[in-house]
N, C-alpha and C. Protein backbone atom coordinates (compact mmCIF):
# COMPACT_ATOMS: atom_id res chain seq x y z
N UNK A 1 -12.58 -9.03 -4.29
CA UNK A 1 -12.21 -10.34 -4.59
C UNK A 1 -11.38 -10.99 -3.81
N UNK A 2 -11.94 -12.61 -3.63
CA UNK A 2 -10.53 -13.25 -2.68
C UNK A 2 -9.84 -13.79 -3.18
N UNK A 3 -8.45 -13.96 -3.08
CA UNK A 3 -7.11 -14.22 -3.44
C UNK A 3 -6.98 -15.69 -3.34
N UNK A 4 -7.28 -16.61 -3.86
CA UNK A 4 -7.15 -18.13 -3.84
C UNK A 4 -5.69 -18.70 -4.23
N UNK A 5 -5.33 -17.68 -4.70
CA UNK A 5 -4.09 -18.86 -5.42
C UNK A 5 -2.61 -18.23 -4.89
N UNK A 6 -1.85 -18.95 -3.93
CA UNK A 6 -0.83 -18.62 -3.31
C UNK A 6 0.54 -19.16 -4.13
N UNK A 7 1.39 -18.15 -4.35
CA UNK A 7 2.79 -18.16 -4.99
C UNK A 7 3.89 -18.32 -4.10
N UNK A 8 4.95 -18.83 -4.05
CA UNK A 8 5.93 -18.68 -3.30
C UNK A 8 7.19 -18.64 -4.45
N UNK A 9 8.52 -17.66 -4.08
CA UNK A 9 9.58 -17.58 -4.51
C UNK A 9 10.44 -18.73 -4.40
N UNK A 10 10.83 -19.28 -5.76
CA UNK A 10 11.57 -20.39 -5.79
C UNK A 10 12.91 -19.69 -5.97
N UNK A 11 13.77 -19.66 -4.62
CA UNK A 11 14.97 -19.43 -3.93
C UNK A 11 16.03 -19.75 -5.02
N UNK A 12 16.12 -20.72 -5.42
CA UNK A 12 17.32 -21.03 -6.21
C UNK A 12 17.38 -20.56 -7.54
N UNK A 13 16.08 -19.83 -7.94
CA UNK A 13 15.94 -19.49 -9.56
C UNK A 13 15.54 -17.89 -9.34
N UNK A 14 15.93 -17.26 -8.07
CA UNK A 14 15.49 -15.78 -8.09
C UNK A 14 16.80 -15.27 -7.50
N UNK A 15 16.66 -13.68 -7.97
CA UNK A 15 17.60 -12.90 -7.38
C UNK A 15 17.01 -11.36 -7.10
N UNK A 16 17.25 -10.46 -6.01
CA UNK A 16 17.37 -9.44 -6.12
C UNK A 16 18.58 -8.35 -6.18
N UNK A 17 18.97 -7.70 -7.13
CA UNK A 17 20.11 -7.23 -7.67
C UNK A 17 19.94 -5.39 -7.42
N UNK A 18 20.74 -4.82 -7.45
CA UNK A 18 20.94 -3.35 -7.67
C UNK A 18 22.11 -2.91 -8.13
N UNK A 19 22.22 -1.80 -8.71
CA UNK A 19 23.58 -1.32 -9.13
C UNK A 19 23.41 0.45 -9.21
N UNK A 20 24.62 0.85 -8.72
CA UNK A 20 24.78 2.57 -8.51
C UNK A 20 26.15 3.04 -9.15
N UNK A 21 26.07 3.92 -9.88
CA UNK A 21 27.33 4.79 -10.36
C UNK A 21 28.31 5.43 -9.41
N UNK A 22 29.29 4.63 -9.55
CA UNK A 22 30.65 5.00 -8.49
C UNK A 22 31.54 5.82 -9.35
N UNK A 23 31.87 6.80 -8.65
CA UNK A 23 32.68 7.75 -8.71
C UNK A 23 32.10 8.50 -10.51
N UNK A 24 30.93 8.48 -10.76
CA UNK A 24 30.47 9.28 -12.07
C UNK A 24 30.87 8.45 -13.39
N UNK A 25 31.79 7.30 -13.28
CA UNK A 25 32.17 6.67 -14.64
C UNK A 25 31.81 4.99 -14.35
N UNK A 26 31.53 4.35 -13.74
CA UNK A 26 31.33 3.12 -13.55
C UNK A 26 30.18 2.69 -12.24
N UNK A 27 30.00 1.50 -12.45
CA UNK A 27 28.74 0.80 -11.44
C UNK A 27 29.75 -0.30 -10.92
N UNK A 28 28.81 -0.10 -9.73
CA UNK A 28 28.95 -1.28 -8.57
C UNK A 28 27.71 -1.75 -8.24
N UNK A 29 27.60 -3.21 -8.73
CA UNK A 29 26.68 -4.03 -8.32
C UNK A 29 26.71 -4.75 -6.78
N UNK A 30 25.29 -4.75 -6.68
CA UNK A 30 25.37 -5.72 -5.30
C UNK A 30 24.01 -6.39 -5.33
N UNK A 31 23.67 -7.68 -4.15
CA UNK A 31 22.56 -8.03 -4.48
C UNK A 31 22.28 -8.37 -2.70
N UNK A 32 21.06 -8.78 -2.64
CA UNK A 32 20.66 -9.58 -1.50
C UNK A 32 20.23 -10.83 -1.42
N UNK A 33 20.86 -11.53 -0.43
CA UNK A 33 21.12 -12.98 -0.59
C UNK A 33 19.50 -13.64 0.16
N UNK A 34 18.99 -13.14 1.13
CA UNK A 34 17.89 -13.55 1.84
C UNK A 34 16.79 -12.66 1.44
N UNK A 35 15.61 -13.14 1.07
CA UNK A 35 14.27 -12.44 1.08
C UNK A 35 13.49 -13.34 0.96
N UNK A 36 12.36 -12.82 1.05
CA UNK A 36 10.88 -14.25 0.90
C UNK A 36 9.68 -12.86 0.70
N UNK A 37 8.79 -13.90 0.20
CA UNK A 37 7.51 -12.94 0.39
C UNK A 37 6.32 -13.70 0.27
N UNK A 38 5.12 -13.18 0.22
CA UNK A 38 3.83 -13.65 0.76
C UNK A 38 3.22 -13.09 -0.65
N UNK A 39 2.82 -14.08 -1.75
CA UNK A 39 2.16 -13.91 -2.95
C UNK A 39 0.77 -14.32 -3.15
N UNK A 40 -0.29 -13.38 -3.44
CA UNK A 40 -1.60 -14.24 -3.91
C UNK A 40 -2.09 -13.81 -4.95
N UNK A 41 -2.63 -14.35 -5.79
CA UNK A 41 -3.41 -14.07 -6.92
C UNK A 41 -5.12 -14.77 -7.11
N UNK A 42 -5.92 -14.05 -7.85
CA UNK A 42 -6.85 -14.41 -8.14
C UNK A 42 -6.71 -15.79 -9.26
N UNK A 43 -6.77 -16.86 -9.22
CA UNK A 43 -6.24 -17.79 -10.09
C UNK A 43 -4.95 -17.60 -10.61
N UNK A 44 -4.79 -17.19 -12.19
CA UNK A 44 -3.64 -16.87 -12.66
C UNK A 44 -3.37 -15.70 -13.14
N UNK A 45 -4.26 -15.06 -12.73
CA UNK A 45 -4.47 -13.37 -13.16
C UNK A 45 -3.58 -12.37 -12.19
N UNK A 46 -2.15 -12.09 -12.57
CA UNK A 46 -1.15 -11.72 -12.13
C UNK A 46 -1.67 -10.04 -12.00
N UNK A 47 -2.50 -9.87 -12.50
CA UNK A 47 -2.94 -8.06 -12.35
C UNK A 47 -3.70 -7.90 -10.97
N UNK A 48 -4.02 -8.96 -10.67
CA UNK A 48 -4.81 -9.03 -9.24
C UNK A 48 -4.03 -9.30 -7.89
N UNK A 49 -2.78 -9.44 -8.24
CA UNK A 49 -1.94 -9.62 -7.15
C UNK A 49 -1.44 -8.61 -5.99
N UNK A 50 -1.58 -9.53 -4.75
CA UNK A 50 -1.09 -8.77 -3.76
C UNK A 50 0.55 -9.16 -2.98
N UNK A 51 1.36 -8.50 -2.80
CA UNK A 51 2.63 -8.95 -2.73
C UNK A 51 2.91 -8.30 -1.29
N UNK A 52 3.70 -9.06 -0.39
CA UNK A 52 4.23 -8.59 0.86
C UNK A 52 5.74 -9.23 1.06
N UNK A 53 6.67 -8.42 0.11
CA UNK A 53 7.98 -8.94 0.17
C UNK A 53 8.86 -8.07 1.30
N UNK A 54 9.84 -9.08 1.62
CA UNK A 54 10.65 -8.70 2.93
C UNK A 54 12.19 -9.11 2.29
N UNK A 55 13.25 -8.21 2.49
CA UNK A 55 14.63 -8.48 2.36
C UNK A 55 15.25 -8.13 3.64
N UNK A 56 15.95 -9.04 3.93
CA UNK A 56 17.21 -8.77 5.29
C UNK A 56 18.34 -8.26 4.66
N UNK A 57 18.25 -6.91 5.23
CA UNK A 57 19.07 -5.96 5.11
C UNK A 57 20.62 -6.33 5.47
N UNK A 58 20.79 -7.26 6.46
CA UNK A 58 21.89 -8.06 6.65
C UNK A 58 22.60 -8.80 5.55
N UNK A 59 21.86 -9.37 4.55
CA UNK A 59 22.36 -9.98 3.71
C UNK A 59 22.85 -9.44 2.37
N UNK A 60 23.05 -8.18 2.47
CA UNK A 60 23.62 -7.33 1.34
C UNK A 60 25.09 -7.93 1.01
N UNK A 61 25.38 -7.91 -0.34
CA UNK A 61 26.60 -8.47 -0.63
C UNK A 61 27.11 -7.61 -2.12
N UNK A 62 28.23 -6.77 -1.78
CA UNK A 62 28.55 -6.32 -3.05
C UNK A 62 29.91 -6.76 -3.25
N UNK A 63 30.62 -7.91 -2.68
CA UNK A 63 31.76 -8.27 -2.99
C UNK A 63 33.02 -7.48 -2.10
N UNK A 64 32.72 -6.61 -1.25
CA UNK A 64 33.44 -6.15 -0.45
C UNK A 64 32.97 -5.98 0.51
N UNK A 65 33.70 -7.00 1.73
CA UNK A 65 33.29 -6.80 2.89
C UNK A 65 33.38 -5.58 3.66
N UNK A 66 34.16 -4.41 3.23
CA UNK A 66 34.13 -3.10 4.09
C UNK A 66 33.40 -2.47 3.43
N UNK A 67 32.87 -2.64 2.50
CA UNK A 67 32.07 -1.83 1.74
C UNK A 67 30.36 -2.04 2.27
N UNK A 68 30.34 -3.47 2.38
CA UNK A 68 29.10 -4.16 2.52
C UNK A 68 28.87 -3.60 4.18
N UNK A 69 29.67 -3.73 5.23
CA UNK A 69 29.80 -3.03 6.33
C UNK A 69 29.35 -1.82 6.19
N UNK A 70 30.16 -0.65 5.67
CA UNK A 70 29.65 0.70 5.39
C UNK A 70 28.15 0.52 5.41
N UNK A 71 27.73 -0.13 4.14
CA UNK A 71 26.28 -0.04 3.84
C UNK A 71 25.11 -0.44 4.97
N UNK A 72 25.49 -1.19 5.69
CA UNK A 72 24.71 -1.60 6.73
C UNK A 72 25.05 -0.79 8.29
N UNK A 73 25.89 0.27 8.02
CA UNK A 73 25.93 1.33 8.92
C UNK A 73 25.15 2.78 8.86
N UNK A 74 24.97 3.26 10.05
CA UNK A 74 23.99 4.35 10.01
C UNK A 74 24.32 5.65 8.97
N UNK A 75 25.33 5.27 8.04
CA UNK A 75 25.47 6.18 6.87
C UNK A 75 24.64 5.83 5.61
N UNK A 76 24.50 4.29 5.63
CA UNK A 76 23.24 3.78 4.55
C UNK A 76 21.91 3.06 5.52
N UNK A 77 21.92 1.84 5.40
CA UNK A 77 20.68 1.17 5.78
C UNK A 77 20.47 1.16 7.24
N UNK A 78 21.59 1.66 7.74
CA UNK A 78 21.27 1.55 9.31
C UNK A 78 20.67 -0.07 9.95
N UNK A 79 21.17 -0.94 9.46
CA UNK A 79 20.97 -2.39 10.31
C UNK A 79 20.50 -2.03 11.65
N UNK A 80 21.39 -1.94 12.33
CA UNK A 80 20.95 -1.65 13.68
C UNK A 80 19.60 -1.29 14.18
N UNK A 81 18.95 -0.63 13.28
CA UNK A 81 17.71 -0.29 13.48
C UNK A 81 16.42 -0.37 12.64
N UNK A 82 17.00 -1.01 11.29
CA UNK A 82 16.30 -1.46 10.28
C UNK A 82 16.55 -2.70 9.93
N UNK A 83 16.26 -3.57 10.12
CA UNK A 83 16.65 -5.17 9.89
C UNK A 83 15.80 -5.56 8.44
N UNK A 84 14.89 -4.63 8.09
CA UNK A 84 14.31 -5.19 6.45
C UNK A 84 14.19 -4.07 5.87
N UNK A 85 14.19 -4.48 4.55
CA UNK A 85 13.58 -3.76 3.66
C UNK A 85 12.51 -4.36 3.08
N UNK A 86 11.25 -3.58 2.94
CA UNK A 86 9.64 -4.52 2.68
C UNK A 86 9.28 -3.62 1.32
N UNK A 87 8.30 -4.44 0.43
CA UNK A 87 7.84 -3.97 -0.49
C UNK A 87 6.18 -4.46 -0.47
N UNK A 88 5.18 -3.42 -0.59
CA UNK A 88 4.03 -4.17 -0.30
C UNK A 88 3.26 -3.71 -1.43
N UNK A 89 2.46 -4.14 -2.36
CA UNK A 89 1.89 -3.78 -3.58
C UNK A 89 0.59 -4.63 -3.09
N UNK A 90 -0.41 -4.08 -4.20
CA UNK A 90 -2.34 -4.69 -3.60
C UNK A 90 -2.96 -4.22 -4.99
N UNK A 91 -3.00 -5.19 -5.91
CA UNK A 91 -3.80 -4.91 -7.02
C UNK A 91 -3.53 -3.54 -7.86
N UNK A 92 -2.20 -3.25 -7.64
CA UNK A 92 -1.72 -2.14 -8.54
C UNK A 92 -0.71 -2.26 -9.54
N UNK A 93 -1.23 -3.32 -10.71
CA UNK A 93 -0.63 -3.88 -11.76
C UNK A 93 -1.06 -3.57 -12.69
N UNK A 94 -0.87 -3.05 -13.87
CA UNK A 94 -1.40 -2.90 -15.21
C UNK A 94 -0.54 -2.99 -16.29
N UNK A 95 -1.20 -3.26 -17.22
CA UNK A 95 -0.36 -3.39 -18.75
C UNK A 95 0.31 -1.34 -19.06
N UNK A 96 1.37 -1.83 -19.57
CA UNK A 96 1.95 -0.52 -20.18
C UNK A 96 2.22 -0.51 -21.36
N UNK A 97 2.99 0.50 -22.05
CA UNK A 97 2.85 0.60 -23.57
C UNK A 97 4.00 -0.36 -23.98
N UNK A 98 4.71 -0.94 -23.18
CA UNK A 98 5.81 -1.83 -23.54
C UNK A 98 5.38 -3.20 -23.64
N UNK A 99 4.07 -3.80 -23.54
CA UNK A 99 3.61 -4.80 -23.32
C UNK A 99 4.23 -5.36 -22.19
N UNK A 100 4.50 -4.46 -21.14
CA UNK A 100 4.92 -5.19 -19.97
C UNK A 100 3.69 -4.78 -18.89
N UNK A 101 4.13 -4.76 -17.63
CA UNK A 101 3.10 -4.23 -16.44
C UNK A 101 4.08 -3.14 -15.44
N UNK A 102 2.89 -2.01 -15.08
CA UNK A 102 3.20 -1.29 -14.10
C UNK A 102 3.44 -1.88 -13.15
N UNK A 103 4.21 -2.05 -11.91
CA UNK A 103 3.81 -2.50 -10.60
C UNK A 103 4.10 -1.66 -9.59
N UNK A 104 3.23 -0.80 -9.03
CA UNK A 104 3.17 0.09 -8.37
C UNK A 104 2.83 -0.76 -6.94
N UNK A 105 3.68 -0.02 -5.67
CA UNK A 105 3.79 -0.55 -4.38
C UNK A 105 4.46 0.56 -3.35
N UNK A 106 4.70 0.07 -2.11
CA UNK A 106 5.17 0.71 -1.03
C UNK A 106 6.25 0.16 -0.85
N UNK A 107 7.67 1.02 -0.88
CA UNK A 107 8.56 0.50 -0.52
C UNK A 107 9.29 1.13 0.73
N UNK A 108 9.84 0.45 1.39
CA UNK A 108 10.06 0.99 2.87
C UNK A 108 11.63 0.76 3.14
N UNK A 109 12.73 1.35 2.87
CA UNK A 109 13.63 1.34 3.11
C UNK A 109 14.35 2.32 4.23
N UNK A 110 15.12 2.08 5.18
CA UNK A 110 15.69 3.05 6.47
C UNK A 110 14.43 3.38 7.13
N UNK A 111 13.33 2.65 7.23
CA UNK A 111 12.21 3.32 7.88
C UNK A 111 11.22 4.51 7.42
N UNK A 112 11.55 4.79 5.95
CA UNK A 112 11.01 5.39 5.37
C UNK A 112 10.24 5.13 4.45
N UNK A 113 8.79 5.17 3.84
CA UNK A 113 8.37 4.65 2.73
C UNK A 113 7.78 5.80 1.78
N UNK A 114 7.92 4.86 0.44
CA UNK A 114 7.77 5.82 -0.75
C UNK A 114 6.97 4.68 -1.66
N UNK A 115 6.18 5.30 -2.35
CA UNK A 115 5.23 4.60 -3.14
C UNK A 115 6.00 4.67 -4.54
N UNK A 116 6.52 3.62 -5.18
CA UNK A 116 7.19 3.53 -6.37
C UNK A 116 6.36 2.54 -7.52
N UNK A 117 7.32 3.06 -8.75
CA UNK A 117 6.81 2.16 -10.06
C UNK A 117 7.71 1.21 -10.48
N UNK A 118 7.76 0.13 -10.82
CA UNK A 118 8.55 -0.98 -11.44
C UNK A 118 8.08 -1.36 -12.57
N UNK A 119 8.77 -1.82 -13.40
CA UNK A 119 8.59 -2.63 -14.62
C UNK A 119 8.56 -3.98 -14.54
N UNK A 120 7.33 -4.85 -14.62
CA UNK A 120 7.00 -6.10 -14.80
C UNK A 120 7.25 -6.78 -15.71
N UNK A 121 8.40 -7.45 -16.33
CA UNK A 121 7.90 -8.40 -17.68
C UNK A 121 7.45 -9.76 -17.20
N UNK A 122 6.42 -10.26 -17.78
CA UNK A 122 5.61 -11.54 -17.52
C UNK A 122 6.44 -12.95 -18.33
N UNK A 123 7.22 -13.48 -17.77
CA UNK A 123 7.68 -14.43 -18.91
C UNK A 123 6.95 -15.66 -19.05
N UNK A 124 5.80 -15.96 -18.50
CA UNK A 124 4.78 -16.96 -18.86
C UNK A 124 4.57 -17.58 -17.61
N UNK A 125 3.46 -18.88 -17.71
CA UNK A 125 3.43 -20.18 -16.42
C UNK A 125 3.72 -21.19 -17.69
N UNK A 126 3.96 -22.11 -16.78
CA UNK A 126 4.60 -23.20 -17.21
C UNK A 126 4.83 -24.68 -15.99
N UNK A 127 4.42 -25.78 -16.36
CA UNK A 127 4.54 -26.82 -15.56
C UNK A 127 6.23 -27.28 -15.83
N UNK A 128 6.81 -27.48 -14.86
CA UNK A 128 8.03 -28.23 -14.50
C UNK A 128 8.04 -29.68 -14.67
N UNK A 129 9.11 -30.33 -14.98
CA UNK A 129 9.49 -31.78 -15.14
C UNK A 129 8.67 -32.50 -13.97
N UNK A 130 8.34 -31.76 -12.68
CA UNK A 130 8.05 -32.35 -11.34
C UNK A 130 6.66 -32.17 -11.27
N UNK A 131 5.99 -31.48 -12.22
CA UNK A 131 4.39 -31.12 -12.12
C UNK A 131 4.15 -29.50 -11.11
N UNK A 132 5.30 -29.09 -11.09
CA UNK A 132 4.97 -27.97 -10.52
C UNK A 132 4.37 -26.95 -11.34
N UNK A 133 3.78 -26.07 -11.01
CA UNK A 133 3.25 -24.97 -11.99
C UNK A 133 4.23 -23.56 -11.65
N UNK A 134 4.86 -23.10 -12.48
CA UNK A 134 5.88 -21.96 -11.96
C UNK A 134 5.51 -20.78 -13.04
N UNK A 135 5.82 -19.31 -12.44
CA UNK A 135 5.90 -18.44 -13.24
C UNK A 135 6.73 -17.18 -13.36
N UNK A 136 7.42 -16.84 -14.06
CA UNK A 136 8.49 -15.92 -14.12
C UNK A 136 8.11 -14.42 -14.57
N UNK A 137 8.76 -13.55 -13.82
CA UNK A 137 9.03 -12.30 -14.16
C UNK A 137 10.55 -11.74 -13.93
N UNK A 138 10.37 -10.94 -14.76
CA UNK A 138 11.89 -9.65 -14.46
C UNK A 138 11.58 -8.10 -14.25
N UNK A 139 11.94 -8.21 -13.17
CA UNK A 139 11.30 -6.98 -12.73
C UNK A 139 12.51 -5.89 -12.29
N UNK A 140 12.09 -4.54 -12.89
CA UNK A 140 13.32 -3.67 -13.08
C UNK A 140 12.41 -2.34 -12.49
N UNK A 141 13.59 -1.23 -11.99
CA UNK A 141 13.06 0.01 -11.77
C UNK A 141 14.41 0.95 -11.38
N UNK A 142 13.92 2.26 -10.99
CA UNK A 142 14.99 3.05 -10.50
C UNK A 142 14.40 3.68 -9.45
N UNK A 143 15.12 4.05 -8.33
CA UNK A 143 14.52 4.96 -7.19
C UNK A 143 15.83 5.60 -6.77
N UNK A 144 15.52 6.75 -6.28
CA UNK A 144 16.40 7.80 -5.99
C UNK A 144 16.88 7.46 -4.43
N UNK A 145 18.05 7.01 -3.77
CA UNK A 145 18.31 6.77 -2.45
C UNK A 145 18.05 7.73 -1.72
N UNK A 146 18.22 8.99 -1.82
CA UNK A 146 17.90 9.90 -1.09
C UNK A 146 16.63 10.23 -0.38
N UNK A 147 15.68 9.46 -1.29
CA UNK A 147 14.34 9.84 -1.07
C UNK A 147 13.85 8.71 0.27
N UNK A 148 15.05 7.68 0.66
CA UNK A 148 14.82 6.96 1.65
C UNK A 148 15.90 7.27 2.66
N UNK A 149 16.40 8.24 2.43
CA UNK A 149 17.57 8.94 3.76
C UNK A 149 18.91 8.35 3.66
N UNK A 150 19.20 7.80 2.53
CA UNK A 150 20.45 7.28 2.28
C UNK A 150 21.17 8.20 1.43
N UNK A 151 21.43 9.43 2.48
CA UNK A 151 22.09 10.41 1.82
C UNK A 151 23.79 10.50 1.95
N UNK A 152 24.62 9.51 2.47
CA UNK A 152 25.87 9.89 2.68
C UNK A 152 26.47 9.94 1.18
N UNK A 153 27.51 10.52 1.18
CA UNK A 153 28.01 10.84 -0.46
C UNK A 153 29.51 11.32 -0.08
N UNK A 154 30.54 11.73 -0.83
CA UNK A 154 31.93 12.55 -0.45
C UNK A 154 32.13 12.95 -2.01
N UNK A 155 32.29 14.17 -1.99
CA UNK A 155 32.69 15.07 -3.41
C UNK A 155 33.83 14.75 -3.93
N UNK A 156 34.11 14.75 -5.28
CA UNK A 156 35.29 14.19 -5.75
C UNK A 156 35.95 15.39 -6.65
N UNK A 157 37.02 15.15 -6.41
CA UNK A 157 37.98 16.38 -6.85
C UNK A 157 37.67 16.91 -8.14
N UNK A 158 37.42 16.19 -8.96
CA UNK A 158 37.04 17.07 -10.31
C UNK A 158 35.75 17.04 -10.84
N UNK A 159 34.86 17.18 -9.40
CA UNK A 159 33.80 17.49 -9.54
C UNK A 159 32.38 16.18 -9.64
N UNK A 160 31.29 16.43 -8.87
CA UNK A 160 30.03 15.28 -8.92
C UNK A 160 30.70 14.52 -7.75
N UNK A 161 29.87 13.43 -7.65
CA UNK A 161 29.98 12.79 -6.11
C UNK A 161 30.66 11.45 -6.31
N UNK A 162 31.03 10.76 -5.46
CA UNK A 162 31.36 9.32 -5.32
C UNK A 162 30.38 8.41 -5.51
N UNK A 163 28.90 8.57 -5.02
CA UNK A 163 27.99 7.36 -5.31
C UNK A 163 26.94 8.50 -5.99
N UNK A 164 26.08 7.95 -7.08
CA UNK A 164 24.89 8.47 -7.50
C UNK A 164 23.96 8.44 -6.49
N UNK A 165 22.77 9.34 -6.87
CA UNK A 165 21.76 9.35 -5.58
C UNK A 165 20.60 8.15 -6.87
N UNK A 166 20.88 7.76 -7.80
CA UNK A 166 19.98 7.06 -8.47
C UNK A 166 20.47 5.41 -8.60
N UNK A 167 19.65 4.44 -8.01
CA UNK A 167 20.09 3.41 -8.00
C UNK A 167 18.89 2.71 -8.73
N UNK A 168 19.80 1.83 -9.56
CA UNK A 168 19.11 0.91 -10.59
C UNK A 168 18.44 -0.52 -9.88
N UNK A 169 17.31 -0.93 -9.99
CA UNK A 169 16.59 -2.55 -9.26
C UNK A 169 16.24 -3.30 -10.21
N UNK A 170 16.89 -4.75 -10.18
CA UNK A 170 16.64 -5.44 -11.34
C UNK A 170 16.19 -7.09 -10.21
N UNK A 171 15.06 -7.55 -10.51
CA UNK A 171 14.85 -8.72 -9.85
C UNK A 171 14.55 -9.51 -11.24
N UNK A 172 14.95 -11.31 -10.68
CA UNK A 172 14.33 -12.18 -11.54
C UNK A 172 13.67 -13.08 -10.43
N UNK A 173 12.40 -13.30 -10.82
CA UNK A 173 11.66 -13.83 -9.88
C UNK A 173 11.01 -15.45 -10.38
N UNK A 174 11.13 -16.48 -10.06
CA UNK A 174 10.26 -17.35 -10.29
C UNK A 174 9.61 -17.98 -9.14
N UNK A 175 8.55 -17.83 -9.50
CA UNK A 175 7.22 -18.31 -8.59
C UNK A 175 6.82 -19.86 -8.97
N UNK A 176 6.27 -20.25 -7.66
CA UNK A 176 5.80 -21.57 -7.66
C UNK A 176 4.37 -21.92 -6.99
N UNK A 177 3.29 -22.16 -7.76
CA UNK A 177 1.79 -21.92 -7.45
C UNK A 177 1.73 -23.12 -6.30
N UNK A 178 1.70 -22.56 -4.90
CA UNK A 178 1.75 -23.16 -3.95
C UNK A 178 0.38 -23.95 -3.52
N UNK A 179 -1.05 -23.15 -3.87
CA UNK A 179 -2.17 -23.88 -3.79
C UNK A 179 -2.18 -24.76 -4.58
N UNK A 180 -1.60 -25.40 -5.70
CA UNK A 180 -1.79 -26.57 -6.51
C UNK A 180 -0.99 -27.47 -5.90
N UNK A 181 0.48 -26.96 -5.36
CA UNK A 181 1.08 -27.94 -4.61
C UNK A 181 0.58 -28.38 -3.23
N UNK A 182 -0.13 -27.59 -2.69
CA UNK A 182 -0.99 -28.09 -1.51
C UNK A 182 -2.07 -28.94 -1.58
N UNK A 183 -2.88 -28.94 -2.85
CA UNK A 183 -3.97 -29.60 -3.76
C UNK A 183 -3.26 -31.30 -3.69
N UNK A 184 -2.18 -30.82 -4.40
CA UNK A 184 -1.44 -32.59 -4.84
C UNK A 184 -1.13 -32.97 -3.48
N UNK A 185 -0.71 -32.25 -2.42
CA UNK A 185 -0.01 -33.25 -1.26
C UNK A 185 -1.61 -33.50 -0.63
N UNK A 186 -2.50 -32.89 -0.45
CA UNK A 186 -3.81 -33.27 0.30
C UNK A 186 -4.13 -34.54 -0.65
N UNK A 187 -4.14 -34.59 -1.97
CA UNK A 187 -4.66 -35.87 -2.75
C UNK A 187 -3.70 -36.93 -2.34
N UNK A 188 -2.28 -36.93 -2.22
CA UNK A 188 -1.50 -38.21 -1.57
C UNK A 188 -1.64 -38.67 -0.34
N UNK A 189 -2.34 -37.77 0.30
CA UNK A 189 -2.70 -38.66 1.83
C UNK A 189 -3.75 -39.84 1.80
């Protein structure tokens, strides 16, 4: 089935964040400042979604420049050889028992691709005060950083490691229906 509805990410109202346990007692949070996607659906049916998301690895921010530089090094994201993180999903979204959706897709980090499952909570569709049709999602998931070759670590004196393998992902996405926008612009000509 042809995907005729194009959606774009509203950058002002969207975020891609992560957190990882540090020293086994607390969490360090971070985010990526630069990202975008091609998103298509059949009408407004998001169970038919096709997503091609990319994240600029160089835009990582944890609030500490030295840590950010270490994360960009070959110990982690290897920015010199891998400029982007990507997520590709094609019609792999289905309702789950939490009244949310399971979103399956191929996540590529550090040149390694793994099929992962994320939880997508649909916030709904609404028309804003300027006539723009918007859709909202909260997307969460957990990945193992070792699955993507991000294996740097350091043992701590009392047992355990400095950085856990588990990374929690949290995304807030507000989408704009660009098909409706494009039609509106054509009518105004």
